[in-house]
Amino acid sequence: MTDPAALVDLTIESLGAQGDGIARHDGKGVFVAYALPGERVRARLSPKGGNAFTGRMQEIVTASPERVVPPCPLFARCGGCGLQHYSLPAYRAWKQQQVATTLGQRGIDLPAGTGMVTVEAGNRRRAVFAARKERGEIAFGFHAAMSDEIVPLDDCLLLTPGLSAGLGGLRQLAGVALAEKQAADIHVTDSLAGLDVLVTTDGDLPMGRRQAVIAAANAAGLARLSWQHGRRQPEPIVMARVPQMRFGDILVDLPIGSFLQPSAEGEAALVAAVTTYVGKARRIADLYAGCGTFSFPLAKIGRVLAVDAAKPAIAALAAAVNRAQLSGRVEGMARDLEQSPLPPPDLKPFEAVVFDPPRAGAEMQARMLAKSRVGKVVAVSCNPASFARDARILLDAGFALEKLAIVNQFVWSAHVELVALLRRR
């Protein structure tokens, strides 16, 4: 049996789904963070559970030719990026191969001509920061990997210039907002009106700190500051300007805490693929529509029914429809598609259906689509595994996977997004 305190030499055979190097030792898998295929490393082992170890790398004995110097000085401390040490060509090829492998596990081949769009660093327009006050000092930054430790940060290569420039003001805001030993997540979106901030924590904002928090928010130039205690409804604290985003040609007022694609460039790539795949369909259902990321661009093609469980998102979409006088082109519907997917009779009017579910996918809706007469489905996914499951349901019902686009907008991470065209044969 391996002594957990002992150092062992390992040969990295491949990268796992989360970007860790994978080796074998004593017949068990070993996952080694920040190791690359082909490398010889020296690592200290600890049980991972099941038939595997975690290896904490102590030394690179033989480096991969694909290893590069990480551009961020916080790499391997901050948990935000896991693959800055991998050359960009190799990293992109690995991501495409990960998609192929995941789909292959469901018996699905990548269509010919599948390509990948990569969003460069410096374009991330939303992020969640961690903050905690201890002994009067504020810790503000990102969590270390698999840890509650907060890695302080003054800058981040991933973020938009506007978001990066606001870090100092956000730190000062956290300093006056939090009580001793209080922790919070600080959700920030770089909207067209400026930074939209939601603080989520385990308590209300007391009246005694409220004026100082308002002053800090105004000093930081925030468009909006909101506060959320646990799962309660968020409370607007400051509204200097209405946070907005443009979807297609339409300005939409963002609800507090609303979902948004992480980058404008990634969103543009997804929208381009979705609208191309939908083609000339005259009636379109946009499921898991949010505030209208795809609905408004699709309205240039045909009439759109936008469905989402989030009532504030549908209300924001409806308000934008009214302002833009698009009532004949876009209709909103608040409906929980996990609990109540659209059944075949409700799907009958639509020539094309777009769905963009959370990471868990849209299994129940895929089963309804499989039973329907819808001829074209455009699936958007941030999880190749749940996409493959849902696509398999449609393929078994007579659909064919004709096209697939990969969008790599989570730079230096293992995450990837897909857009697929499935057409009934």
Protein backbone atom coordinates (compact mmCIF):
# COMPACT_ATOMS: atom_id res chain seq x y z
CA MET A 1 0.00 0.00 0.00
CA THR A 2 1.25 3.48 -0.85
CA ASP A 3 2.41 5.61 2.09
CA PRO A 4 0.36 8.84 1.74
CA ALA A 5 3.34 10.84 3.01
CA ALA A 6 5.69 9.42 0.39
CA LEU A 7 6.69 11.20 -2.80
CA VAL A 8 6.03 9.24 -5.98
CA ASP A 9 7.09 9.78 -9.57
CA LEU A 10 4.22 9.82 -12.04
CA THR A 11 3.80 9.98 -15.80
CA ILE A 12 0.82 12.09 -16.83
CA GLU A 13 -1.18 10.23 -19.46
CA SER A 14 -4.00 12.67 -20.19
CA LEU A 15 -6.09 15.54 -18.87
CA GLY A 16 -9.37 14.89 -17.06
CA ALA A 17 -12.63 16.69 -17.65
CA GLN A 18 -11.71 19.42 -15.13
CA GLY A 19 -8.21 19.92 -16.56
CA ASP A 20 -6.25 17.89 -13.99
CA GLY A 21 -3.45 15.64 -15.18
CA ILE A 22 -4.26 11.93 -14.88
CA ALA A 23 -1.64 9.29 -14.02
CA ARG A 24 -1.71 5.72 -12.67
CA HIS A 25 -0.14 4.42 -9.46
CA ASP A 26 -0.63 1.01 -7.84
CA GLY A 27 -3.44 0.37 -10.28
CA LYS A 28 -5.34 3.50 -9.26
CA GLY A 29 -5.93 6.79 -11.01
CA VAL A 30 -4.12 9.86 -9.70
CA PHE A 31 -5.40 13.38 -10.40
CA VAL A 32 -2.65 16.01 -10.38
CA ALA A 33 -3.63 19.67 -10.72
CA TYR A 34 -1.51 21.79 -13.10
CA ALA A 35 0.21 18.77 -14.70
CA LEU A 36 0.16 18.24 -18.47
CA PRO A 37 0.08 15.15 -20.70
CA GLY A 38 3.49 13.56 -21.21
CA GLU A 39 5.05 15.18 -18.15
CA ARG A 40 6.98 13.34 -15.43
CA VAL A 41 6.12 14.84 -12.07
CA ARG A 42 6.89 14.14 -8.43
CA ALA A 43 3.79 14.32 -6.24
CA ARG A 44 2.55 13.60 -2.74
CA LEU A 45 -0.56 11.43 -2.69
CA SER A 46 -3.73 11.60 -0.63
CA PRO A 47 -6.89 9.47 -0.97
CA LYS A 48 -9.48 11.00 -3.30
CA GLY A 49 -12.21 8.47 -2.62
CA GLY A 50 -13.16 5.46 -4.64
CA ASN A 51 -10.34 3.99 -6.65
CA ALA A 52 -8.24 7.15 -7.00
CA PHE A 53 -5.69 9.47 -5.41
CA THR A 54 -5.16 13.20 -5.48
CA GLY A 55 -1.55 14.07 -6.20
CA ARG A 56 -0.13 17.38 -4.95
CA MET A 57 2.66 18.21 -7.37
CA GLN A 58 6.00 18.94 -5.71
CA GLU A 59 8.29 18.98 -8.74
CA ILE A 60 8.14 18.79 -12.53
CA VAL A 61 10.80 16.25 -13.48
CA THR A 62 10.21 16.46 -17.24
CA ALA A 63 8.10 19.32 -18.60
CA SER A 64 5.78 19.12 -21.59
CA PRO A 65 6.75 21.21 -24.64
CA GLU A 66 3.21 22.61 -24.38
CA ARG A 67 3.89 24.09 -20.93
CA VAL A 68 4.04 27.90 -20.92
CA VAL A 69 4.60 30.54 -18.27
CA PRO A 70 1.18 31.49 -16.83
CA PRO A 71 0.44 35.17 -17.51
CA CYS A 72 -1.16 35.75 -14.08
CA PRO A 73 1.02 35.93 -10.93
CA LEU A 74 -1.86 34.43 -8.91
CA PHE A 75 -2.15 31.31 -11.06
CA ALA A 76 -2.30 28.10 -8.98
CA ARG A 77 -3.30 30.17 -5.92
CA CYS A 78 -6.52 31.67 -7.28
CA GLY A 79 -9.15 29.13 -8.25
CA GLY A 80 -10.48 31.17 -11.15
CA CYS A 81 -8.23 29.68 -13.85
CA GLY A 82 -6.97 26.13 -14.15
CA LEU A 83 -5.18 25.99 -17.50
CA GLN A 84 -3.02 29.10 -17.97
CA HIS A 85 0.05 26.82 -18.06
CA TYR A 86 -1.15 25.08 -21.26
CA SER A 87 -0.23 26.56 -24.65
CA LEU A 88 -3.26 28.06 -26.38
CA PRO A 89 -3.19 25.75 -29.45
CA ALA A 90 -2.95 22.65 -27.25
CA TYR A 91 -5.57 23.99 -24.84
CA ARG A 92 -8.03 24.65 -27.66
CA ALA A 93 -7.42 21.22 -29.20
CA TRP A 94 -7.98 19.60 -25.79
CA LYS A 95 -11.30 21.40 -25.36
CA GLN A 96 -12.52 20.24 -28.75
CA GLN A 97 -11.40 16.70 -27.96
CA GLN A 98 -13.24 16.83 -24.62
CA VAL A 99 -16.46 17.64 -26.46
CA ALA A 100 -15.85 14.80 -28.93
CA THR A 101 -15.13 12.35 -26.10
CA THR A 102 -18.18 13.35 -24.08
CA LEU A 103 -20.51 13.06 -27.06
CA GLY A 104 -18.85 9.80 -28.08
CA GLN A 105 -19.83 8.26 -24.76
CA ARG A 106 -23.44 8.58 -25.97
CA GLY A 107 -22.60 7.26 -29.43
CA ILE A 108 -22.66 10.73 -31.02
CA ASP A 109 -20.05 11.85 -33.55
CA LEU A 110 -19.07 15.47 -34.10
CA PRO A 111 -20.52 16.68 -37.41
CA ALA A 112 -18.01 17.39 -40.16
CA GLY A 113 -16.78 20.96 -40.06
CA THR A 114 -17.30 21.45 -36.32
CA GLY A 115 -15.28 24.49 -35.31
CA MET A 116 -14.56 26.48 -32.18
CA VAL A 117 -14.73 30.20 -31.47
CA THR A 118 -12.41 31.32 -28.66
CA VAL A 119 -13.06 34.52 -26.71
CA GLU A 120 -9.87 36.26 -25.64
CA ALA A 121 -9.08 37.26 -22.07
CA GLY A 122 -10.23 40.69 -20.91
CA ASN A 123 -13.86 40.23 -21.98
CA ARG A 124 -15.52 38.70 -18.91
CA ARG A 125 -18.36 41.07 -18.04
CA ARG A 126 -19.75 39.31 -14.99
CA ALA A 127 -18.08 37.69 -12.00
CA VAL A 128 -18.76 36.58 -8.43
CA PHE A 129 -16.24 37.75 -5.84
CA ALA A 130 -15.87 36.53 -2.27
CA ALA A 131 -15.50 38.87 0.70
CA ARG A 132 -15.04 38.32 4.43
CA LYS A 133 -14.21 40.58 7.36
CA GLU A 134 -11.85 39.28 10.06
CA ARG A 135 -10.38 41.44 12.85
CA GLY A 136 -11.46 44.55 11.03
CA GLU A 137 -9.65 43.59 7.80
CA ILE A 138 -11.50 42.81 4.59
CA ALA A 139 -10.49 39.90 2.37
CA PHE A 140 -11.78 40.42 -1.18
CA GLY A 141 -11.05 38.36 -4.28
CA PHE A 142 -11.69 34.89 -5.67
CA HIS A 143 -11.68 31.65 -3.73
CA ALA A 144 -8.63 29.43 -3.96
CA ALA A 145 -9.33 26.16 -5.77
CA MET A 146 -11.46 23.79 -3.65
CA SER A 147 -11.05 26.05 -0.62
CA ASP A 148 -12.77 28.72 1.47
CA GLU A 149 -9.55 30.77 1.42
CA ILE A 150 -9.98 34.10 -0.36
CA VAL A 151 -7.09 35.06 -2.63
CA PRO A 152 -6.80 38.88 -2.62
CA LEU A 153 -6.86 40.45 -6.02
CA ASP A 154 -6.18 43.91 -7.39
CA ASP A 155 -6.59 43.03 -11.06
CA CYS A 156 -7.73 40.12 -13.20
CA LEU A 157 -6.79 39.33 -16.79
CA LEU A 158 -10.22 37.82 -17.46
CA LEU A 159 -12.31 40.89 -16.68
CA THR A 160 -13.52 43.74 -18.86
CA PRO A 161 -11.69 47.03 -18.26
CA GLY A 162 -14.78 48.45 -16.55
CA LEU A 163 -15.09 45.53 -14.16
CA SER A 164 -11.37 45.42 -13.44
CA ALA A 165 -11.28 49.18 -12.75
CA GLY A 166 -14.06 48.76 -10.20
CA LEU A 167 -12.28 46.25 -7.97
CA GLY A 168 -10.92 48.86 -5.57
CA GLY A 169 -14.33 50.43 -5.04
CA LEU A 170 -15.91 47.01 -4.54
CA ARG A 171 -13.34 46.17 -1.87
CA GLN A 172 -14.08 49.42 -0.05
CA LEU A 173 -17.81 48.73 -0.32
CA ALA A 174 -17.34 45.29 1.23
CA GLY A 175 -15.29 46.86 4.01
CA VAL A 176 -18.13 49.11 5.16
CA ALA A 177 -20.97 46.69 4.33
CA LEU A 178 -19.86 43.60 6.27
CA ALA A 179 -19.89 43.05 10.01
CA GLU A 180 -17.05 41.32 11.85
CA LYS A 181 -16.74 37.64 10.76
CA GLN A 182 -19.42 38.15 8.10
CA ALA A 183 -18.86 36.70 4.62
CA ALA A 184 -20.58 37.57 1.36
CA ASP A 185 -20.63 36.79 -2.33
CA ILE A 186 -20.53 39.90 -4.48
CA HIS A 187 -22.11 39.39 -7.91
CA VAL A 188 -21.04 42.04 -10.42
CA THR A 189 -22.20 42.67 -13.99
CA ASP A 190 -20.58 45.26 -16.24
CA SER A 191 -23.78 46.59 -17.81
CA LEU A 192 -24.15 49.37 -20.38
CA ALA A 193 -24.96 51.73 -17.48
CA GLY A 194 -21.99 50.66 -15.35
CA LEU A 195 -21.49 48.08 -12.62
CA ASP A 196 -24.59 46.31 -11.32
CA VAL A 197 -23.79 44.76 -7.92
CA LEU A 198 -25.70 42.25 -5.81
CA VAL A 199 -24.38 41.37 -2.34
CA THR A 200 -25.63 38.00 -1.06
CA THR A 201 -24.97 37.19 2.58
CA ASP A 202 -26.48 35.73 5.77
CA GLY A 203 -28.04 38.87 7.20
CA ASP A 204 -29.90 42.08 6.44
CA LEU A 205 -28.12 45.39 5.91
CA PRO A 206 -28.59 47.21 9.24
CA MET A 207 -29.73 50.81 9.24
CA GLY A 208 -26.57 51.76 11.10
CA ARG A 209 -24.39 50.77 8.13
CA ARG A 210 -26.79 51.70 5.34
CA GLN A 211 -25.68 55.31 4.84
CA ALA A 212 -22.00 54.32 4.75
CA VAL A 213 -22.81 51.61 2.19
CA ILE A 214 -24.76 54.07 0.03
CA ALA A 215 -21.85 56.51 0.18
CA ALA A 216 -19.37 53.77 -0.79
CA ALA A 217 -21.58 52.67 -3.70
CA ASN A 218 -21.86 56.22 -4.98
CA ALA A 219 -18.12 56.78 -4.56
CA ALA A 220 -17.50 53.64 -6.62
CA GLY A 221 -19.85 54.94 -9.33
CA LEU A 222 -22.09 51.87 -9.23
CA ALA A 223 -25.16 51.87 -11.45
CA ARG A 224 -27.07 49.77 -8.93
CA LEU A 225 -26.43 48.10 -5.59
CA SER A 226 -28.75 45.43 -4.21
CA TRP A 227 -28.65 43.31 -1.06
CA GLN A 228 -29.95 39.77 -0.57
CA HIS A 229 -30.29 37.97 2.77
CA GLY A 230 -30.18 34.24 2.07
CA ARG A 231 -33.00 33.23 -0.27
CA ARG A 232 -35.13 36.29 0.41
CA GLN A 233 -36.04 38.73 -2.33
CA PRO A 234 -33.12 41.08 -3.11
CA GLU A 235 -33.53 44.67 -1.96
CA PRO A 236 -32.32 47.60 -4.11
CA ILE A 237 -30.13 49.89 -1.98
CA VAL A 238 -28.84 52.31 -4.64
CA MET A 239 -30.21 52.95 -8.12
CA ALA A 240 -28.11 55.63 -9.78
CA ARG A 241 -28.81 54.34 -13.30
CA VAL A 242 -30.88 51.49 -14.70
CA PRO A 243 -28.56 48.60 -15.68
CA GLN A 244 -29.28 47.63 -19.27
CA MET A 245 -28.03 45.24 -21.92
CA ARG A 246 -28.69 45.19 -25.65
CA PHE A 247 -29.98 41.94 -27.14
CA GLY A 248 -30.03 42.30 -30.89
CA ASP A 249 -31.17 45.90 -31.37
CA ILE A 250 -33.28 45.99 -28.20
CA LEU A 251 -32.33 47.54 -24.85
CA VAL A 252 -33.48 45.46 -21.88
CA ASP A 253 -33.54 46.58 -18.24
CA LEU A 254 -31.74 43.87 -16.26
CA PRO A 255 -33.57 42.39 -13.27
CA ILE A 256 -31.50 42.07 -10.10
CA GLY A 257 -29.33 38.96 -10.30
CA SER A 258 -30.47 38.03 -13.81
CA PHE A 259 -28.59 35.51 -15.94
CA LEU A 260 -26.29 36.91 -18.62
CA GLN A 261 -23.73 35.33 -20.91
CA PRO A 262 -20.28 35.96 -19.40
CA SER A 263 -18.94 37.91 -22.37
CA ALA A 264 -20.40 40.04 -25.15
CA GLU A 265 -18.13 38.28 -27.66
CA GLY A 266 -19.24 34.83 -26.55
CA GLU A 267 -22.86 35.91 -26.67
CA ALA A 268 -22.37 37.22 -30.21
CA ALA A 269 -20.91 33.87 -31.30
CA LEU A 270 -23.81 31.96 -29.74
CA VAL A 271 -26.39 34.31 -31.29
CA ALA A 272 -24.76 33.99 -34.72
CA ALA A 273 -24.92 30.20 -34.55
CA VAL A 274 -28.49 30.12 -33.22
CA THR A 275 -29.88 32.51 -35.83
CA THR A 276 -28.04 30.72 -38.64
CA TYR A 277 -29.31 27.31 -37.55
CA VAL A 278 -32.89 28.53 -37.10
CA GLY A 279 -32.78 29.68 -40.72
CA LYS A 280 -36.08 30.96 -42.12
CA ALA A 281 -38.45 29.49 -39.54
CA ARG A 282 -41.51 31.72 -39.17
CA ARG A 283 -42.66 30.49 -35.73
CA ILE A 284 -39.96 29.95 -33.11
CA ALA A 285 -40.07 28.90 -29.46
CA ASP A 286 -37.16 30.16 -27.35
CA LEU A 287 -37.10 28.01 -24.21
CA TYR A 288 -35.11 29.03 -21.12
CA ALA A 289 -35.09 32.44 -22.78
CA GLY A 290 -33.98 34.60 -19.85
CA CYS A 291 -34.36 38.29 -20.71
CA GLY A 292 -34.23 37.66 -24.47
CA THR A 293 -30.61 36.96 -25.39
CA PHE A 294 -31.80 34.96 -28.41
CA SER A 295 -35.44 36.05 -28.52
CA PHE A 296 -34.81 39.55 -29.84
CA PRO A 297 -32.29 38.56 -32.55
CA LEU A 298 -34.69 35.76 -33.57
CA ALA A 299 -37.54 38.28 -33.85
CA LYS A 300 -35.88 39.52 -37.05
CA ILE A 301 -36.52 36.05 -38.51
CA GLY A 302 -39.98 35.13 -37.26
CA ARG A 303 -42.49 35.33 -34.42
CA VAL A 304 -41.01 34.22 -31.10
CA LEU A 305 -42.49 32.74 -27.93
CA ALA A 306 -39.97 33.30 -25.12
CA VAL A 307 -40.40 30.99 -22.11
CA ASP A 308 -38.54 31.08 -18.80
CA ALA A 309 -39.21 30.16 -15.17
CA ALA A 310 -37.81 33.48 -13.89
CA LYS A 311 -40.76 35.88 -13.68
CA PRO A 312 -38.55 38.99 -13.36
CA ALA A 313 -36.74 38.02 -16.57
CA ILE A 314 -40.00 37.58 -18.48
CA ALA A 315 -41.29 40.87 -17.06
CA ALA A 316 -38.13 42.63 -18.26
CA LEU A 317 -38.50 41.03 -21.68
CA ALA A 318 -42.16 42.08 -21.88
CA ALA A 319 -41.31 45.67 -20.93
CA ALA A 320 -38.66 45.79 -23.65
CA VAL A 321 -41.15 44.35 -26.16
CA ASN A 322 -43.61 47.11 -25.32
CA ARG A 323 -41.01 49.89 -25.57
CA ALA A 324 -39.81 48.59 -28.93
CA GLN A 325 -43.38 48.01 -30.19
CA LEU A 326 -42.64 44.34 -30.90
CA SER A 327 -45.87 42.93 -29.48
CA GLY A 328 -46.59 41.15 -32.75
CA ARG A 329 -43.13 39.58 -32.90
CA VAL A 330 -42.17 38.51 -29.35
CA GLU A 331 -44.40 37.09 -26.62
CA GLY A 332 -43.18 36.20 -23.13
CA MET A 333 -44.40 33.31 -20.98
CA ALA A 334 -43.39 32.58 -17.38
CA ARG A 335 -43.27 28.80 -17.02
CA ASP A 336 -41.03 26.33 -15.17
CA LEU A 337 -39.93 24.01 -17.94
CA GLU A 338 -38.33 21.59 -15.49
CA GLN A 339 -41.65 20.95 -13.76
CA SER A 340 -43.91 21.65 -16.72
CA PRO A 341 -42.21 21.23 -20.11
CA LEU A 342 -44.16 22.30 -23.18
CA PRO A 343 -46.06 19.20 -24.41
CA PRO A 344 -46.45 18.20 -28.08
CA PRO A 345 -49.80 20.02 -28.58
CA ASP A 346 -48.25 23.28 -27.36
CA LEU A 347 -45.21 22.72 -29.59
CA LYS A 348 -47.28 22.08 -32.73
CA PRO A 349 -47.25 25.69 -34.08
CA PHE A 350 -43.45 25.98 -34.06
CA GLU A 351 -41.17 25.31 -37.00
CA ALA A 352 -38.07 25.62 -34.81
CA VAL A 353 -37.41 25.35 -31.08
CA VAL A 354 -34.36 26.82 -29.35
CA PHE A 355 -33.46 25.76 -25.82
CA ASP A 356 -30.65 27.01 -23.57
CA PRO A 357 -31.08 25.31 -20.17
CA PRO A 358 -28.90 25.45 -17.05
CA ARG A 359 -26.06 22.94 -16.64
CA ALA A 360 -28.46 20.15 -15.69
CA GLY A 361 -29.89 20.26 -19.21
CA ALA A 362 -33.44 19.92 -20.52
CA GLU A 363 -34.18 16.20 -20.33
CA MET A 364 -37.94 16.48 -19.77
CA GLN A 365 -38.33 19.09 -22.51
CA ALA A 366 -36.21 16.97 -24.87
CA ARG A 367 -38.59 14.06 -24.29
CA MET A 368 -41.54 16.28 -25.19
CA LEU A 369 -39.75 17.49 -28.32
CA ALA A 370 -39.01 13.89 -29.28
CA LYS A 371 -42.76 13.14 -29.18
CA SER A 372 -43.71 16.31 -31.07
CA ARG A 373 -43.73 17.13 -34.77
CA VAL A 374 -41.19 19.96 -34.44
CA GLY A 375 -38.80 19.61 -37.37
CA LYS A 376 -35.84 21.62 -36.13
CA VAL A 377 -34.26 21.96 -32.68
CA VAL A 378 -31.37 24.30 -31.88
CA ALA A 379 -29.79 23.29 -28.58
CA VAL A 380 -27.50 25.61 -26.62
CA SER A 381 -25.58 24.11 -23.72
CA CYS A 382 -22.88 24.95 -21.18
CA ASN A 383 -22.47 21.26 -20.28
CA PRO A 384 -21.51 18.75 -22.99
CA ALA A 385 -22.57 15.82 -20.77
CA SER A 386 -26.17 16.97 -20.28
CA PHE A 387 -26.31 18.08 -23.93
CA ALA A 388 -25.23 14.60 -25.05
CA ARG A 389 -27.96 13.00 -22.94
CA ASP A 390 -30.64 15.34 -24.33
CA ALA A 391 -29.35 15.02 -27.90
CA ARG A 392 -29.42 11.22 -27.60
CA ILE A 393 -33.14 11.42 -26.77
CA LEU A 394 -33.76 13.43 -29.94
CA LEU A 395 -31.53 11.26 -32.11
CA ASP A 396 -33.35 8.13 -30.96
CA ALA A 397 -36.63 9.83 -31.97
CA GLY A 398 -35.48 10.36 -35.56
CA PHE A 399 -33.48 13.60 -35.43
CA ALA A 400 -30.03 13.96 -36.99
CA LEU A 401 -27.22 16.11 -35.60
CA GLU A 402 -26.35 18.23 -38.63
CA LYS A 403 -24.15 21.00 -37.23
CA LEU A 404 -22.36 21.86 -34.01
CA ALA A 405 -20.42 24.96 -32.98
CA ILE A 406 -18.17 25.15 -29.91
CA VAL A 407 -17.79 28.48 -28.11
CA ASN A 408 -14.84 28.74 -25.73
CA GLN A 409 -15.75 31.82 -23.69
CA PHE A 410 -14.61 30.54 -20.27
CA VAL A 411 -10.96 31.34 -20.91
CA TRP A 412 -8.33 29.14 -19.18
CA SER A 413 -11.00 26.91 -17.64
CA ALA A 414 -12.41 23.50 -18.52
CA HIS A 415 -15.87 24.90 -19.29
CA VAL A 416 -17.19 25.16 -22.83
CA GLU A 417 -20.44 26.02 -24.60
CA LEU A 418 -22.12 24.36 -27.57
CA VAL A 419 -24.76 25.20 -30.15
CA ALA A 420 -26.21 22.29 -32.12
CA LEU A 421 -28.64 21.96 -35.00
CA LEU A 422 -30.80 18.83 -34.86
CA ARG A 423 -33.23 18.24 -37.71
CA ARG A 424 -35.94 15.60 -37.92
CA ARG A 425 -35.24 13.17 -40.74
